[in-house]
C-alpha atoms as a PDB file:
ATOM      1  CA  UNK A   1      21.441 -71.884-206.566  1.00  0.00           C
ATOM      2  CA  UNK A   2      21.006 -72.667-202.869  1.00  0.00           C
ATOM      3  CA  UNK A   3      20.280 -76.109-201.477  1.00  0.00           C
ATOM      4  CA  UNK A   4      17.163 -75.743-199.358  1.00  0.00           C
ATOM      5  CA  UNK A   5      17.213 -78.785-197.082  1.00  0.00           C
ATOM      6  CA  UNK A   6      14.170 -78.211-194.865  1.00  0.00           C
ATOM      7  CA  UNK A   7      10.559 -77.501-195.754  1.00  0.00           C
ATOM      8  CA  UNK A   8       7.095 -76.947-194.374  1.00  0.00           C
ATOM      9  CA  UNK A   9       4.194 -78.157-196.540  1.00  0.00           C
ATOM     10  CA  UNK A  10       0.613 -76.927-196.078  1.00  0.00           C
ATOM     11  CA  UNK A  11      -2.278 -78.093-198.217  1.00  0.00           C
ATOM     12  CA  UNK A  12      -5.928 -77.313-198.732  1.00  0.00           C
ATOM     13  CA  UNK A  13      -7.752 -79.673-201.064  1.00  0.00           C
ATOM     14  CA  UNK A  14     -10.938 -78.271-202.576  1.00  0.00           C
ATOM     15  CA  UNK A  15     -14.158 -80.250-202.937  1.00  0.00           C
ATOM     16  CA  UNK A  16     -13.273 -82.529-199.974  1.00  0.00           C
ATOM     17  CA  UNK A  17     -16.855 -83.763-199.700  1.00  0.00           C
ATOM     18  CA  UNK A  18     -16.948 -85.432-203.115  1.00  0.00           C
ATOM     19  CA  UNK A  19     -15.441 -88.872-203.728  1.00  0.00           C
ATOM     20  CA  UNK A  20     -12.898 -87.403-206.140  1.00  0.00           C
ATOM     21  CA  UNK A  21     -11.888 -84.770-203.570  1.00  0.00           C
ATOM     22  CA  UNK A  22     -11.567 -87.389-200.816  1.00  0.00           C
ATOM     23  CA  UNK A  23      -9.277 -89.460-203.044  1.00  0.00           C
ATOM     24  CA  UNK A  24      -7.102 -86.386-203.734  1.00  0.00           C
ATOM     25  CA  UNK A  25      -6.850 -85.657-199.993  1.00  0.00           C
ATOM     26  CA  UNK A  26      -5.713 -89.231-199.362  1.00  0.00           C
ATOM     27  CA  UNK A  27      -3.178 -89.151-202.213  1.00  0.00           C
ATOM     28  CA  UNK A  28      -1.701 -85.809-201.134  1.00  0.00           C
ATOM     29  CA  UNK A  29      -1.486 -86.977-197.514  1.00  0.00           C
ATOM     30  CA  UNK A  30       0.343 -90.175-198.521  1.00  0.00           C
ATOM     31  CA  UNK A  31       2.816 -88.317-200.741  1.00  0.00           C
ATOM     32  CA  UNK A  32       3.571 -85.789-197.987  1.00  0.00           C
ATOM     33  CA  UNK A  33       3.951 -88.584-195.410  1.00  0.00           C
ATOM     34  CA  UNK A  34       6.441 -90.312-197.732  1.00  0.00           C
ATOM     35  CA  UNK A  35       8.804 -87.311-197.679  1.00  0.00           C
ATOM     36  CA  UNK A  36       8.050 -85.378-194.451  1.00  0.00           C
ATOM     37  CA  UNK A  37       6.956 -85.721-190.836  1.00  0.00           C
ATOM     38  CA  UNK A  38       3.247 -85.184-190.192  1.00  0.00           C
ATOM     39  CA  UNK A  39       3.040 -82.053-188.047  1.00  0.00           C
ATOM     40  CA  UNK A  40      -0.721 -81.451-187.832  1.00  0.00           C
ATOM     41  CA  UNK A  41      -3.858 -82.064-189.916  1.00  0.00           C
ATOM     42  CA  UNK A  42      -2.651 -80.800-193.312  1.00  0.00           C
ATOM     43  CA  UNK A  43       0.819 -79.615-192.291  1.00  0.00           C
ATOM     44  CA  UNK A  44       4.086 -81.496-192.795  1.00  0.00           C
ATOM     45  CA  UNK A  45       7.679 -80.540-192.114  1.00  0.00           C
ATOM     46  CA  UNK A  46      11.155 -81.983-192.259  1.00  0.00           C
ATOM     47  CA  UNK A  47      14.500 -82.337-193.920  1.00  0.00           C
ATOM     48  CA  UNK A  48      14.597 -83.200-197.592  1.00  0.00           C
ATOM     49  CA  UNK A  49      17.383 -83.444-200.143  1.00  0.00           C
ATOM     50  CA  UNK A  50      17.147 -81.350-203.310  1.00  0.00           C
ATOM     51  CA  UNK A  51      16.736 -84.531-205.400  1.00  0.00           C
ATOM     52  CA  UNK A  52      13.896 -85.804-203.205  1.00  0.00           C
ATOM     53  CA  UNK A  53      12.252 -82.385-203.297  1.00  0.00           C
ATOM     54  CA  UNK A  54      12.111 -82.563-207.091  1.00  0.00           C
ATOM     55  CA  UNK A  55      10.451 -86.001-206.836  1.00  0.00           C
ATOM     56  CA  UNK A  56       8.027 -84.762-204.167  1.00  0.00           C
ATOM     57  CA  UNK A  57       6.992 -81.707-206.203  1.00  0.00           C
ATOM     58  CA  UNK A  58       6.473 -83.817-209.322  1.00  0.00           C
ATOM     59  CA  UNK A  59       4.275 -86.324-207.472  1.00  0.00           C
ATOM     60  CA  UNK A  60       2.184 -83.582-205.840  1.00  0.00           C
ATOM     61  CA  UNK A  61       1.582 -81.807-209.156  1.00  0.00           C
ATOM     62  CA  UNK A  62       0.314 -85.055-210.714  1.00  0.00           C
ATOM     63  CA  UNK A  63      -2.459 -85.586-208.123  1.00  0.00           C
ATOM     64  CA  UNK A  64      -3.673 -82.054-207.430  1.00  0.00           C
ATOM     65  CA  UNK A  65      -6.247 -79.968-209.272  1.00  0.00           C
ATOM     66  CA  UNK A  66      -4.689 -76.527-209.736  1.00  0.00           C
ATOM     67  CA  UNK A  67      -8.141 -74.922-209.936  1.00  0.00           C
ATOM     68  CA  UNK A  68      -9.370 -76.349-206.619  1.00  0.00           C
ATOM     69  CA  UNK A  69      -6.337 -77.172-204.478  1.00  0.00           C
ATOM     70  CA  UNK A  70      -3.576 -75.140-202.884  1.00  0.00           C
ATOM     71  CA  UNK A  71      -0.235 -76.597-201.857  1.00  0.00           C
ATOM     72  CA  UNK A  72       2.082 -74.147-200.106  1.00  0.00           C
ATOM     73  CA  UNK A  73       5.711 -75.128-199.596  1.00  0.00           C
ATOM     74  CA  UNK A  74       8.087 -73.081-197.477  1.00  0.00           C
ATOM     75  CA  UNK A  75      11.662 -74.164-198.161  1.00  0.00           C
ATOM     76  CA  UNK A  76      14.331 -73.161-195.697  1.00  0.00           C
ATOM     77  CA  UNK A  77      18.067 -72.937-196.041  1.00  0.00           C
ATOM     78  CA  UNK A  78      18.418 -71.114-192.724  1.00  0.00           C
ATOM     79  CA  UNK A  79      15.695 -69.852-190.424  1.00  0.00           C
ATOM     80  CA  UNK A  80      16.193 -66.376-191.887  1.00  0.00           C
ATOM     81  CA  UNK A  81      16.162 -67.577-195.495  1.00  0.00           C
ATOM     82  CA  UNK A  82      12.701 -68.719-196.614  1.00  0.00           C
ATOM     83  CA  UNK A  83      11.448 -69.459-200.128  1.00  0.00           C
ATOM     84  CA  UNK A  84       7.667 -69.751-200.563  1.00  0.00           C
ATOM     85  CA  UNK A  85       6.190 -71.802-203.417  1.00  0.00           C
ATOM     86  CA  UNK A  86       2.456 -71.955-204.084  1.00  0.00           C
ATOM     87  CA  UNK A  87       1.068 -74.524-206.509  1.00  0.00           C
ATOM     88  CA  UNK A  88      -2.429 -73.806-207.810  1.00  0.00           C
ATOM     89  CA  UNK A  89      -4.755 -70.891-208.335  1.00  0.00           C
ATOM     90  CA  UNK A  90      -6.759 -71.164-205.120  1.00  0.00           C
ATOM     91  CA  UNK A  91      -4.450 -68.986-203.018  1.00  0.00           C
ATOM     92  CA  UNK A  92      -6.544 -66.055-201.820  1.00  0.00           C
ATOM     93  CA  UNK A  93      -4.300 -65.449-198.784  1.00  0.00           C
ATOM     94  CA  UNK A  94      -0.647 -66.174-198.233  1.00  0.00           C
ATOM     95  CA  UNK A  95      -0.182 -68.395-195.188  1.00  0.00           C
ATOM     96  CA  UNK A  96       2.894 -66.827-193.582  1.00  0.00           C
ATOM     97  CA  UNK A  97       4.530 -64.070-195.514  1.00  0.00           C
END
């Protein structure tokens, strides 16, 4: 198994207008900010250890609604070696690949 030590995280939280949706947006933002650098609106990037990635993924899964939200994580070992992970069902289009 490879150690992917860099990642891009993109998220789209459904039902952003409701109070519940707004709380999920805030929670996801705070979790991403804890582990990565804020790149733009709902995009984060940065180095992360495999152990911290496991923690990050666990925290994100606890606060998202898999039927409404999409979290896309691109993990990189090298620039030419990308692993895409999508959490949730709301993934009508792939972001990059």
